[in-house]
PDB file of N, CA and C in Angstrom:
ATOM      1  N   MET A   1      99.519 112.837  83.134  1.00  0.00           N
ATOM      2  CA  MET A   1     100.296 112.190  82.122  1.00  0.00           C
ATOM      3  C   MET A   1      99.356 111.691  81.034  1.00  0.00           C
ATOM      4  N   GLU A   2      99.777 111.841  79.806  1.00  0.00           N
ATOM      5  CA  GLU A   2      98.978 111.391  78.672  1.00  0.00           C
ATOM      6  C   GLU A   2      99.129 109.878  78.492  1.00  0.00           C
ATOM      7  N   ALA A   3      98.024 109.229  78.241  1.00  0.00           N
ATOM      8  CA  ALA A   3      98.009 107.763  78.140  1.00  0.00           C
ATOM      9  C   ALA A   3      98.930 107.249  77.038  1.00  0.00           C
ATOM     10  N   ASN A   4      99.096 107.995  75.961  1.00  0.00           N
ATOM     11  CA  ASN A   4      99.929 107.512  74.863  1.00  0.00           C
ATOM     12  C   ASN A   4     101.421 107.498  75.212  1.00  0.00           C
ATOM     13  N   LYS A   5     101.793 108.071  76.347  1.00  0.00           N
ATOM     14  CA  LYS A   5     103.186 108.039  76.795  1.00  0.00           C
ATOM     15  C   LYS A   5     103.505 106.759  77.571  1.00  0.00           C
ATOM     16  N   LEU A   6     102.467 105.990  77.887  1.00  0.00           N
ATOM     17  CA  LEU A   6     102.631 104.739  78.633  1.00  0.00           C
ATOM     18  C   LEU A   6     102.390 103.541  77.728  1.00  0.00           C
ATOM     19  N   SER A   7     103.155 102.481  77.947  1.00  0.00           N
ATOM     20  CA  SER A   7     102.863 101.234  77.250  1.00  0.00           C
ATOM     21  C   SER A   7     102.228 100.223  78.192  1.00  0.00           C
ATOM     22  N   ASP A   8     102.336 100.469  79.518  1.00  0.00           N
ATOM     23  CA  ASP A   8     101.750  99.570  80.503  1.00  0.00           C
ATOM     24  C   ASP A   8     101.778 100.261  81.863  1.00  0.00           C
ATOM     25  N   GLY A   9     101.007  99.742  82.797  1.00  0.00           N
ATOM     26  CA  GLY A   9     101.056 100.279  84.149  1.00  0.00           C
ATOM     27  C   GLY A   9      99.715 100.220  84.843  1.00  0.00           C
ATOM     28  N   GLY A  10      99.720 100.653  86.092  1.00  0.00           N
ATOM     29  CA  GLY A  10      98.505 100.686  86.876  1.00  0.00           C
ATOM     30  C   GLY A  10      98.768 101.301  88.236  1.00  0.00           C
ATOM     31  N   ILE A  11      97.683 101.680  88.895  1.00  0.00           N
ATOM     32  CA  ILE A  11      97.765 102.265  90.233  1.00  0.00           C
ATOM     33  C   ILE A  11      96.750 101.543  91.120  1.00  0.00           C
ATOM     34  N   LEU A  12      97.225 101.053  92.264  1.00  0.00           N
ATOM     35  CA  LEU A  12      96.352 100.451  93.268  1.00  0.00           C
ATOM     36  C   LEU A  12      96.409 101.318  94.516  1.00  0.00           C
ATOM     37  N   TYR A  13      95.251 101.721  95.015  1.00  0.00           N
ATOM     38  CA  TYR A  13      95.214 102.530  96.234  1.00  0.00           C
ATOM     39  C   TYR A  13      93.867 102.363  96.916  1.00  0.00           C
ATOM     40  N   SER A  14      93.819 102.767  98.170  1.00  0.00           N
ATOM     41  CA  SER A  14      92.591 102.701  98.950  1.00  0.00           C
ATOM     42  C   SER A  14      91.647 103.812  98.495  1.00  0.00           C
ATOM     43  N   SER A  15      90.532 103.442  97.913  1.00  0.00           N
ATOM     44  CA  SER A  15      89.625 104.440  97.342  1.00  0.00           C
ATOM     45  C   SER A  15      88.831 105.216  98.389  1.00  0.00           C
ATOM     46  N   ASP A  16      88.760 104.727  99.621  1.00  0.00           N
ATOM     47  CA  ASP A  16      87.982 105.446 100.624  1.00  0.00           C
ATOM     48  C   ASP A  16      88.771 106.581 101.275  1.00  0.00           C
ATOM     49  N   GLY A  17      90.071 106.648 101.013  1.00  0.00           N
ATOM     50  CA  GLY A  17      90.869 107.761 101.526  1.00  0.00           C
ATOM     51  C   GLY A  17      91.348 107.627 102.952  1.00  0.00           C
ATOM     52  N   ASN A  18      91.010 106.534 103.617  1.00  0.00           N
ATOM     53  CA  ASN A  18      91.443 106.371 105.004  1.00  0.00           C
ATOM     54  C   ASN A  18      92.914 106.023 105.132  1.00  0.00           C
ATOM     55  N   TYR A  19      93.469 105.460 104.081  1.00  0.00           N
ATOM     56  CA  TYR A  19      94.869 105.041 104.112  1.00  0.00           C
ATOM     57  C   TYR A  19      95.581 105.576 102.880  1.00  0.00           C
ATOM     58  N   ALA A  20      96.830 105.965 103.050  1.00  0.00           N
ATOM     59  CA  ALA A  20      97.620 106.507 101.947  1.00  0.00           C
ATOM     60  C   ALA A  20      98.291 105.414 101.123  1.00  0.00           C
ATOM     61  N   ASP A  21      98.151 104.165 101.517  1.00  0.00           N
ATOM     62  CA  ASP A  21      98.825 103.057 100.835  1.00  0.00           C
ATOM     63  C   ASP A  21      98.540 103.073  99.331  1.00  0.00           C
ATOM     64  N   GLU A  22      99.604 102.815  98.563  1.00  0.00           N
ATOM     65  CA  GLU A  22      99.478 102.848  97.108  1.00  0.00           C
ATOM     66  C   GLU A  22     100.629 102.076  96.492  1.00  0.00           C
ATOM     67  N   ILE A  23     100.340 101.429  95.379  1.00  0.00           N
ATOM     68  CA  ILE A  23     101.365 100.870  94.515  1.00  0.00           C
ATOM     69  C   ILE A  23     101.071 101.379  93.110  1.00  0.00           C
ATOM     70  N   SER A  24     102.031 102.080  92.537  1.00  0.00           N
ATOM     71  CA  SER A  24     101.920 102.575  91.167  1.00  0.00           C
ATOM     72  C   SER A  24     103.050 101.980  90.355  1.00  0.00           C
ATOM     73  N   MET A  25     102.714 101.467  89.180  1.00  0.00           N
ATOM     74  CA  MET A  25     103.723 100.928  88.272  1.00  0.00           C
ATOM     75  C   MET A  25     103.505 101.544  86.900  1.00  0.00           C
ATOM     76  N   LEU A  26     104.571 102.098  86.337  1.00  0.00           N
ATOM     77  CA  LEU A  26     104.496 102.739  85.032  1.00  0.00           C
ATOM     78  C   LEU A  26     105.593 102.208  84.117  1.00  0.00           C
ATOM     79  N   LYS A  27     105.230 101.947  82.880  1.00  0.00           N
ATOM     80  CA  LYS A  27     106.192 101.574  81.844  1.00  0.00           C
ATOM     81  C   LYS A  27     106.000 102.573  80.715  1.00  0.00           C
ATOM     82  N   MET A  28     107.014 103.380  80.482  1.00  0.00           N
ATOM     83  CA  MET A  28     106.923 104.429  79.476  1.00  0.00           C
ATOM     84  C   MET A  28     107.044 103.822  78.078  1.00  0.00           C
ATOM     85  N   ALA A  29     106.254 104.334  77.139  1.00  0.00           N
ATOM     86  CA  ALA A  29     106.243 103.813  75.772  1.00  0.00           C
ATOM     87  C   ALA A  29     107.596 103.953  75.093  1.00  0.00           C
ATOM     88  N   ASP A  30     108.325 105.010  75.407  1.00  0.00           N
ATOM     89  CA  ASP A  30     109.626 105.234  74.769  1.00  0.00           C
ATOM     90  C   ASP A  30     110.790 104.701  75.591  1.00  0.00           C
ATOM     91  N   GLY A  31     110.495 104.003  76.692  1.00  0.00           N
ATOM     92  CA  GLY A  31     111.535 103.432  77.527  1.00  0.00           C
ATOM     93  C   GLY A  31     112.216 104.414  78.467  1.00  0.00           C
ATOM     94  N   SER A  32     111.719 105.631  78.526  1.00  0.00           N
ATOM     95  CA  SER A  32     112.331 106.648  79.386  1.00  0.00           C
ATOM     96  C   SER A  32     111.957 106.439  80.857  1.00  0.00           C
ATOM     97  N   SER A  33     112.568 107.214  81.702  1.00  0.00           N
ATOM     98  CA  SER A  33     112.316 107.140  83.149  1.00  0.00           C
ATOM     99  C   SER A  33     110.969 107.759  83.509  1.00  0.00           C
ATOM    100  N   ALA A  34     110.307 107.164  84.487  1.00  0.00           N
ATOM    101  CA  ALA A  34     109.070 107.727  85.043  1.00  0.00           C
ATOM    102  C   ALA A  34     109.306 108.184  86.480  1.00  0.00           C
ATOM    103  N   LYS A  35     110.570 108.309  86.856  1.00  0.00           N
ATOM    104  CA  LYS A  35     110.900 108.675  88.230  1.00  0.00           C
ATOM    105  C   LYS A  35     110.318 110.039  88.604  1.00  0.00           C
ATOM    106  N   LYS A  36     110.410 111.008  87.716  1.00  0.00           N
ATOM    107  CA  LYS A  36     109.870 112.346  88.009  1.00  0.00           C
ATOM    108  C   LYS A  36     108.356 112.292  88.177  1.00  0.00           C
ATOM    109  N   GLN A  37     107.677 111.567  87.318  1.00  0.00           N
ATOM    110  CA  GLN A  37     106.221 111.457  87.419  1.00  0.00           C
ATOM    111  C   GLN A  37     105.813 110.814  88.741  1.00  0.00           C
ATOM    112  N   LEU A  38     106.543 109.794  89.162  1.00  0.00           N
ATOM    113  CA  LEU A  38     106.220 109.142  90.427  1.00  0.00           C
ATOM    114  C   LEU A  38     106.590 110.021  91.621  1.00  0.00           C
ATOM    115  N   ALA A  39     107.669 110.780  91.508  1.00  0.00           N
ATOM    116  CA  ALA A  39     108.026 111.722  92.575  1.00  0.00           C
ATOM    117  C   ALA A  39     106.961 112.808  92.696  1.00  0.00           C
ATOM    118  N   ASP A  40     106.439 113.260  91.547  1.00  0.00           N
ATOM    119  CA  ASP A  40     105.349 114.243  91.566  1.00  0.00           C
ATOM    120  C   ASP A  40     104.098 113.645  92.207  1.00  0.00           C
ATOM    121  N   ARG A  41     103.808 112.385  91.898  1.00  0.00           N
ATOM    122  CA  ARG A  41     102.660 111.691  92.495  1.00  0.00           C
ATOM    123  C   ARG A  41     102.835 111.586  94.008  1.00  0.00           C
ATOM    124  N   LEU A  42     104.049 111.264  94.448  1.00  0.00           N
ATOM    125  CA  LEU A  42     104.343 111.164  95.869  1.00  0.00           C
ATOM    126  C   LEU A  42     104.134 112.508  96.565  1.00  0.00           C
ATOM    127  N   SER A  43     104.594 113.582  95.968  1.00  0.00           N
ATOM    128  CA  SER A  43     104.390 114.925  96.537  1.00  0.00           C
ATOM    129  C   SER A  43     102.904 115.259  96.618  1.00  0.00           C
ATOM    130  N   TYR A  44     102.169 114.894  95.578  1.00  0.00           N
ATOM    131  CA  TYR A  44     100.727 115.118  95.558  1.00  0.00           C
ATOM    132  C   TYR A  44     100.045 114.378  96.711  1.00  0.00           C
ATOM    133  N   ARG A  45     100.418 113.104  96.913  1.00  0.00           N
ATOM    134  CA  ARG A  45      99.829 112.315  97.994  1.00  0.00           C
ATOM    135  C   ARG A  45     100.180 112.903  99.366  1.00  0.00           C
ATOM    136  N   LEU A  46     101.419 113.353  99.529  1.00  0.00           N
ATOM    137  CA  LEU A  46     101.830 113.965 100.792  1.00  0.00           C
ATOM    138  C   LEU A  46     101.005 115.217 101.065  1.00  0.00           C
ATOM    139  N   ASN A  47     100.823 116.049 100.062  1.00  0.00           N
ATOM    140  CA  ASN A  47     100.012 117.261 100.227  1.00  0.00           C
ATOM    141  C   ASN A  47      98.563 116.920 100.570  1.00  0.00           C
ATOM    142  N   GLN A  48      98.034 115.846  99.983  1.00  0.00           N
ATOM    143  CA  GLN A  48      96.663 115.412 100.280  1.00  0.00           C
ATOM    144  C   GLN A  48      96.491 115.055 101.752  1.00  0.00           C
ATOM    145  N   TYR A  49      97.450 114.349 102.300  1.00  0.00           N
ATOM    146  CA  TYR A  49      97.297 113.773 103.629  1.00  0.00           C
ATOM    147  C   TYR A  49      97.831 114.634 104.765  1.00  0.00           C
ATOM    148  N   GLU A  50      98.628 115.645 104.476  1.00  0.00           N
ATOM    149  CA  GLU A  50      99.204 116.456 105.551  1.00  0.00           C
ATOM    150  C   GLU A  50      98.142 117.062 106.471  1.00  0.00           C
ATOM    151  N   ASN A  51      97.068 117.554 105.905  1.00  0.00           N
ATOM    152  CA  ASN A  51      96.009 118.155 106.709  1.00  0.00           C
ATOM    153  C   ASN A  51      94.819 117.224 106.915  1.00  0.00           C
ATOM    154  N   TYR A  52      94.664 116.239 106.034  1.00  0.00           N
ATOM    155  CA  TYR A  52      93.519 115.339 106.102  1.00  0.00           C
ATOM    156  C   TYR A  52      93.734 114.239 107.146  1.00  0.00           C
ATOM    157  N   LYS A  53      94.834 113.520 107.032  1.00  0.00           N
ATOM    158  CA  LYS A  53      95.165 112.443 107.980  1.00  0.00           C
ATOM    159  C   LYS A  53      96.672 112.463 108.207  1.00  0.00           C
ATOM    160  N   PRO A  54      97.141 113.380 109.036  1.00  0.00           N
ATOM    161  CA  PRO A  54      98.583 113.529 109.231  1.00  0.00           C
ATOM    162  C   PRO A  54      99.289 112.269 109.725  1.00  0.00           C
ATOM    163  N   GLU A  55      98.566 111.365 110.362  1.00  0.00           N
ATOM    164  CA  GLU A  55      99.186 110.127 110.828  1.00  0.00           C
ATOM    165  C   GLU A  55      99.626 109.227 109.665  1.00  0.00           C
ATOM    166  N   GLU A  56      99.113 109.481 108.468  1.00  0.00           N
ATOM    167  CA  GLU A  56      99.493 108.706 107.284  1.00  0.00           C
ATOM    168  C   GLU A  56     100.748 109.256 106.601  1.00  0.00           C
ATOM    169  N   THR A  57     101.166 110.453 106.966  1.00  0.00           N
ATOM    170  CA  THR A  57     102.292 111.082 106.256  1.00  0.00           C
ATOM    171  C   THR A  57     103.615 110.362 106.490  1.00  0.00           C
ATOM    172  N   LYS A  58     103.770 109.698 107.608  1.00  0.00           N
ATOM    173  CA  LYS A  58     105.024 108.988 107.888  1.00  0.00           C
ATOM    174  C   LYS A  58     105.295 107.926 106.823  1.00  0.00           C
ATOM    175  N   LYS A  59     104.271 107.153 106.467  1.00  0.00           N
ATOM    176  CA  LYS A  59     104.485 106.119 105.448  1.00  0.00           C
ATOM    177  C   LYS A  59     104.713 106.731 104.071  1.00  0.00           C
ATOM    178  N   ILE A  60     104.103 107.881 103.807  1.00  0.00           N
ATOM    179  CA  ILE A  60     104.338 108.556 102.526  1.00  0.00           C
ATOM    180  C   ILE A  60     105.791 109.026 102.449  1.00  0.00           C
ATOM    181  N   GLN A  61     106.276 109.577 103.527  1.00  0.00           N
ATOM    182  CA  GLN A  61     107.656 110.051 103.560  1.00  0.00           C
ATOM    183  C   GLN A  61     108.662 108.909 103.445  1.00  0.00           C
ATOM    184  N   ALA A  62     108.268 107.706 103.810  1.00  0.00           N
ATOM    185  CA  ALA A  62     109.151 106.543 103.733  1.00  0.00           C
ATOM    186  C   ALA A  62     108.906 105.713 102.466  1.00  0.00           C
ATOM    187  N   ALA A  63     108.171 106.260 101.517  1.00  0.00           N
ATOM    188  CA  ALA A  63     107.831 105.535 100.288  1.00  0.00           C
ATOM    189  C   ALA A  63     109.078 105.187  99.482  1.00  0.00           C
ATOM    190  N   LYS A  64     108.923 104.209  98.624  1.00  0.00           N
ATOM    191  CA  LYS A  64     110.009 103.753  97.753  1.00  0.00           C
ATOM    192  C   LYS A  64     109.658 104.026  96.302  1.00  0.00           C
ATOM    193  N   ILE A  65     110.603 104.606  95.574  1.00  0.00           N
ATOM    194  CA  ILE A  65     110.501 104.753  94.125  1.00  0.00           C
ATOM    195  C   ILE A  65     111.719 104.034  93.557  1.00  0.00           C
ATOM    196  N   PHE A  66     111.471 103.111  92.629  1.00  0.00           N
ATOM    197  CA  PHE A  66     112.581 102.334  92.082  1.00  0.00           C
ATOM    198  C   PHE A  66     112.227 101.812  90.696  1.00  0.00           C
ATOM    199  N   GLN A  67     113.243 101.315  90.017  1.00  0.00           N
ATOM    200  CA  GLN A  67     113.055 100.719  88.702  1.00  0.00           C
ATOM    201  C   GLN A  67     113.226  99.213  88.805  1.00  0.00           C
ATOM    202  N   ALA A  68     112.324  98.482  88.163  1.00  0.00           N
ATOM    203  CA  ALA A  68     112.404  97.031  88.046  1.00  0.00           C
ATOM    204  C   ALA A  68     112.196  96.697  86.572  1.00  0.00           C
ATOM    205  N   GLU A  69     113.283  96.282  85.922  1.00  0.00           N
ATOM    206  CA  GLU A  69     113.267  96.071  84.464  1.00  0.00           C
ATOM    207  C   GLU A  69     112.819  97.371  83.788  1.00  0.00           C
ATOM    208  N   ASP A  70     111.762  97.318  82.965  1.00  0.00           N
ATOM    209  CA  ASP A  70     111.287  98.508  82.248  1.00  0.00           C
ATOM    210  C   ASP A  70     110.226  99.287  83.018  1.00  0.00           C
ATOM    211  N   TYR A  71     109.892  98.847  84.218  1.00  0.00           N
ATOM    212  CA  TYR A  71     108.853  99.483  85.013  1.00  0.00           C
ATOM    213  C   TYR A  71     109.461 100.404  86.071  1.00  0.00           C
ATOM    214  N   TRP A  72     108.783 101.503  86.303  1.00  0.00           N
ATOM    215  CA  TRP A  72     109.086 102.384  87.435  1.00  0.00           C
ATOM    216  C   TRP A  72     107.973 102.202  88.442  1.00  0.00           C
ATOM    217  N   VAL A  73     108.339 102.090  89.717  1.00  0.00           N
ATOM    218  CA  VAL A  73     107.392 101.685  90.748  1.00  0.00           C
ATOM    219  C   VAL A  73     107.433 102.653  91.926  1.00  0.00           C
ATOM    220  N   LEU A  74     106.260 102.985  92.442  1.00  0.00           N
ATOM    221  CA  LEU A  74     106.093 103.756  93.675  1.00  0.00           C
ATOM    222  C   LEU A  74     105.341 102.864  94.657  1.00  0.00           C
ATOM    223  N   VAL A  75     105.892 102.699  95.858  1.00  0.00           N
ATOM    224  CA  VAL A  75     105.227 101.920  96.899  1.00  0.00           C
ATOM    225  C   VAL A  75     105.098 102.789  98.148  1.00  0.00           C
ATOM    226  N   ILE A  76     103.857 103.023  98.559  1.00  0.00           N
ATOM    227  CA  ILE A  76     103.561 103.724  99.810  1.00  0.00           C
ATOM    228  C   ILE A  76     102.889 102.701 100.721  1.00  0.00           C
ATOM    229  N   SER A  77     103.580 102.334 101.786  1.00  0.00           N
ATOM    230  CA  SER A  77     103.056 101.321 102.705  1.00  0.00           C
ATOM    231  C   SER A  77     103.932 101.267 103.936  1.00  0.00           C
ATOM    232  N   ASP A  78     103.357 100.782 105.031  1.00  0.00           N
ATOM    233  CA  ASP A  78     104.169 100.490 106.209  1.00  0.00           C
ATOM    234  C   ASP A  78     105.163  99.372 105.909  1.00  0.00           C
ATOM    235  N   ASN A  79     104.879  98.575 104.886  1.00  0.00           N
ATOM    236  CA  ASN A  79     105.732  97.455 104.485  1.00  0.00           C
ATOM    237  C   ASN A  79     106.383  97.718 103.121  1.00  0.00           C
ATOM    238  N   ALA A  80     106.759  98.957 102.849  1.00  0.00           N
ATOM    239  CA  ALA A  80     107.274  99.334 101.536  1.00  0.00           C
ATOM    240  C   ALA A  80     108.503  98.530 101.128  1.00  0.00           C
ATOM    241  N   ASP A  81     109.404  98.255 102.062  1.00  0.00           N
ATOM    242  CA  ASP A  81     110.609  97.489 101.723  1.00  0.00           C
ATOM    243  C   ASP A  81     110.263  96.076 101.265  1.00  0.00           C
ATOM    244  N   GLU A  82     109.409  95.406 102.014  1.00  0.00           N
ATOM    245  CA  GLU A  82     109.037  94.035 101.672  1.00  0.00           C
ATOM    246  C   GLU A  82     108.268  93.978 100.350  1.00  0.00           C
ATOM    247  N   ILE A  83     107.344  94.899 100.156  1.00  0.00           N
ATOM    248  CA  ILE A  83     106.565  94.937  98.917  1.00  0.00           C
ATOM    249  C   ILE A  83     107.479  95.232  97.735  1.00  0.00           C
ATOM    250  N   SER A  84     108.402  96.160  97.910  1.00  0.00           N
ATOM    251  CA  SER A  84     109.349  96.495  96.845  1.00  0.00           C
ATOM    252  C   SER A  84     110.181  95.280  96.463  1.00  0.00           C
ATOM    253  N   ASP A  85     110.645  94.544  97.451  1.00  0.00           N
ATOM    254  CA  ASP A  85     111.425  93.330  97.182  1.00  0.00           C
ATOM    255  C   ASP A  85     110.602  92.299  96.419  1.00  0.00           C
ATOM    256  N   GLU A  86     109.350  92.117  96.795  1.00  0.00           N
ATOM    257  CA  GLU A  86     108.490  91.155  96.117  1.00  0.00           C
ATOM    258  C   GLU A  86     108.228  91.553  94.674  1.00  0.00           C
ATOM    259  N   ILE A  87     107.982  92.836  94.441  1.00  0.00           N
ATOM    260  CA  ILE A  87     107.760  93.319  93.073  1.00  0.00           C
ATOM    261  C   ILE A  87     109.008  93.093  92.235  1.00  0.00           C
ATOM    262  N   THR A  88     110.154  93.440  92.783  1.00  0.00           N
ATOM    263  CA  THR A  88     111.416  93.259  92.066  1.00  0.00           C
ATOM    264  C   THR A  88     111.638  91.789  91.733  1.00  0.00           C
ATOM    265  N   ASP A  89     111.395  90.903  92.680  1.00  0.00           N
ATOM    266  CA  ASP A  89     111.555  89.463  92.440  1.00  0.00           C
ATOM    267  C   ASP A  89     110.607  88.956  91.361  1.00  0.00           C
ATOM    268  N   MET A  90     109.376  89.447  91.340  1.00  0.00           N
ATOM    269  CA  MET A  90     108.388  89.014  90.365  1.00  0.00           C
ATOM    270  C   MET A  90     108.730  89.491  88.957  1.00  0.00           C
ATOM    271  N   ILE A  91     109.250  90.697  88.844  1.00  0.00           N
ATOM    272  CA  ILE A  91     109.522  91.270  87.521  1.00  0.00           C
ATOM    273  C   ILE A  91     110.856  90.798  86.964  1.00  0.00           C
ATOM    274  N   ASN A  92     111.852  90.653  87.824  1.00  0.00           N
ATOM    275  CA  ASN A  92     113.193  90.283  87.346  1.00  0.00           C
ATOM    276  C   ASN A  92     113.323  88.833  87.078  1.00  0.00           C
TER     277      ASN A  92
END
């Protein structure tokens, strides 16, 4: 994705690759949906871990993609529901 298409956002993930956990938040500059971009990111992460650490794929498959105000959010975690609720509460 080109940076000029975003007005805000960030990605937090484990840089050592041992865990698939990730929180991505995107705010599109034109106010459009980032759901497809996050779904593509989720597919990419699943493909990364299927052969590398298959035990991590369960949490990827249970990931949450949702909108909170103007932000689109991807949460990959064993606690995706709780994290999603906290993000929604903080933004709304």
